[in-house]
C-alpha atoms as a PDB file:
ATOM      1  CA  MET A   1       0.000   0.000   0.000  1.00  0.00           C
ATOM      2  CA  ALA A   2       1.397   3.403  -0.949  1.00  0.00           C
ATOM      3  CA  ASP A   3       2.160   6.033   1.641  1.00  0.00           C
ATOM      4  CA  LYS A   4      -0.679   8.520   1.715  1.00  0.00           C
ATOM      5  CA  GLN A   5       0.232  12.187   1.297  1.00  0.00           C
ATOM      6  CA  PRO A   6      -1.498  14.783   3.481  1.00  0.00           C
ATOM      7  CA  ASP A   7      -4.566  16.389   1.911  1.00  0.00           C
ATOM      8  CA  GLY A   8      -3.565  19.248  -0.346  1.00  0.00           C
ATOM      9  CA  ALA A   9       0.004  17.970  -0.716  1.00  0.00           C
ATOM     10  CA  ILE A  10       1.734  18.900  -3.944  1.00  0.00           C
ATOM     11  CA  LYS A  11       4.872  17.861  -5.753  1.00  0.00           C
ATOM     12  CA  LEU A  12       6.940  19.696  -8.301  1.00  0.00           C
ATOM     13  CA  VAL A  13       8.167  18.250 -11.578  1.00  0.00           C
ATOM     14  CA  VAL A  14      11.195  19.974 -13.104  1.00  0.00           C
ATOM     15  CA  LYS A  15      10.538  21.206 -16.665  1.00  0.00           C
ATOM     16  CA  HIS A  16      13.833  23.121 -17.121  1.00  0.00           C
ATOM     17  CA  ALA A  17      17.044  22.012 -15.387  1.00  0.00           C
ATOM     18  CA  PHE A  18      18.253  24.300 -12.587  1.00  0.00           C
ATOM     19  CA  ALA A  19      20.610  24.008  -9.600  1.00  0.00           C
ATOM     20  CA  ASP A  20      21.064  20.261  -8.939  1.00  0.00           C
ATOM     21  CA  TYR A  21      17.739  19.292 -10.556  1.00  0.00           C
ATOM     22  CA  GLN A  22      17.372  17.710 -13.986  1.00  0.00           C
ATOM     23  CA  VAL A  23      14.331  17.695 -16.290  1.00  0.00           C
ATOM     24  CA  GLY A  24      11.785  15.187 -14.992  1.00  0.00           C
ATOM     25  CA  ASP A  25      12.980  15.204 -11.372  1.00  0.00           C
ATOM     26  CA  GLN A  26      10.174  15.187  -8.811  1.00  0.00           C
ATOM     27  CA  ILE A  27      10.462  17.345  -5.698  1.00  0.00           C
ATOM     28  CA  THR A  28       8.242  16.190  -2.838  1.00  0.00           C
ATOM     29  CA  ASP A  29       9.877  17.575   0.313  1.00  0.00           C
ATOM     30  CA  PRO A  30       7.347  20.163   1.605  1.00  0.00           C
ATOM     31  CA  ALA A  31      10.060  22.593   2.758  1.00  0.00           C
ATOM     32  CA  GLU A  32      11.866  22.415  -0.588  1.00  0.00           C
ATOM     33  CA  VAL A  33       8.594  22.770  -2.507  1.00  0.00           C
ATOM     34  CA  GLN A  34       7.753  25.918  -0.543  1.00  0.00           C
ATOM     35  CA  LYS A  35      11.258  27.336  -1.002  1.00  0.00           C
ATOM     36  CA  ILE A  36      11.137  26.828  -4.770  1.00  0.00           C
ATOM     37  CA  LEU A  37       7.601  28.170  -5.211  1.00  0.00           C
ATOM     38  CA  THR A  38       8.419  31.377  -3.349  1.00  0.00           C
ATOM     39  CA  GLY A  39      11.692  31.958  -5.182  1.00  0.00           C
ATOM     40  CA  GLU A  40      12.919  32.849  -8.644  1.00  0.00           C
ATOM     41  CA  THR A  41      13.141  29.199  -9.723  1.00  0.00           C
ATOM     42  CA  ALA A  42       9.364  28.632  -9.602  1.00  0.00           C
ATOM     43  CA  VAL A  43       9.223  29.149 -13.384  1.00  0.00           C
ATOM     44  CA  TYR A  44      11.306  25.979 -13.896  1.00  0.00           C
ATOM     45  CA  VAL A  45       8.786  23.570 -12.341  1.00  0.00           C
ATOM     46  CA  LEU A  46       5.241  22.296 -12.799  1.00  0.00           C
ATOM     47  CA  LYS A  47       3.063  22.022  -9.698  1.00  0.00           C
ATOM     48  CA  THR A  48       1.071  18.789  -9.533  1.00  0.00           C
ATOM     49  CA  ALA A  49      -1.007  16.856  -6.994  1.00  0.00           C
ATOM     50  CA  ALA A  50       1.128  14.482  -4.942  1.00  0.00           C
END
């Protein structure tokens, strides 16, 4: 059985490589997701339901 994410949880999928992330990488750590979405690198990711 898969681990259930908290309601409203999101993940990011990298659409343009940046920092140490490559295209297709999935970012699920809530702190990292928040950091990216509030910074200049938010344009390099797609926000999806986790």
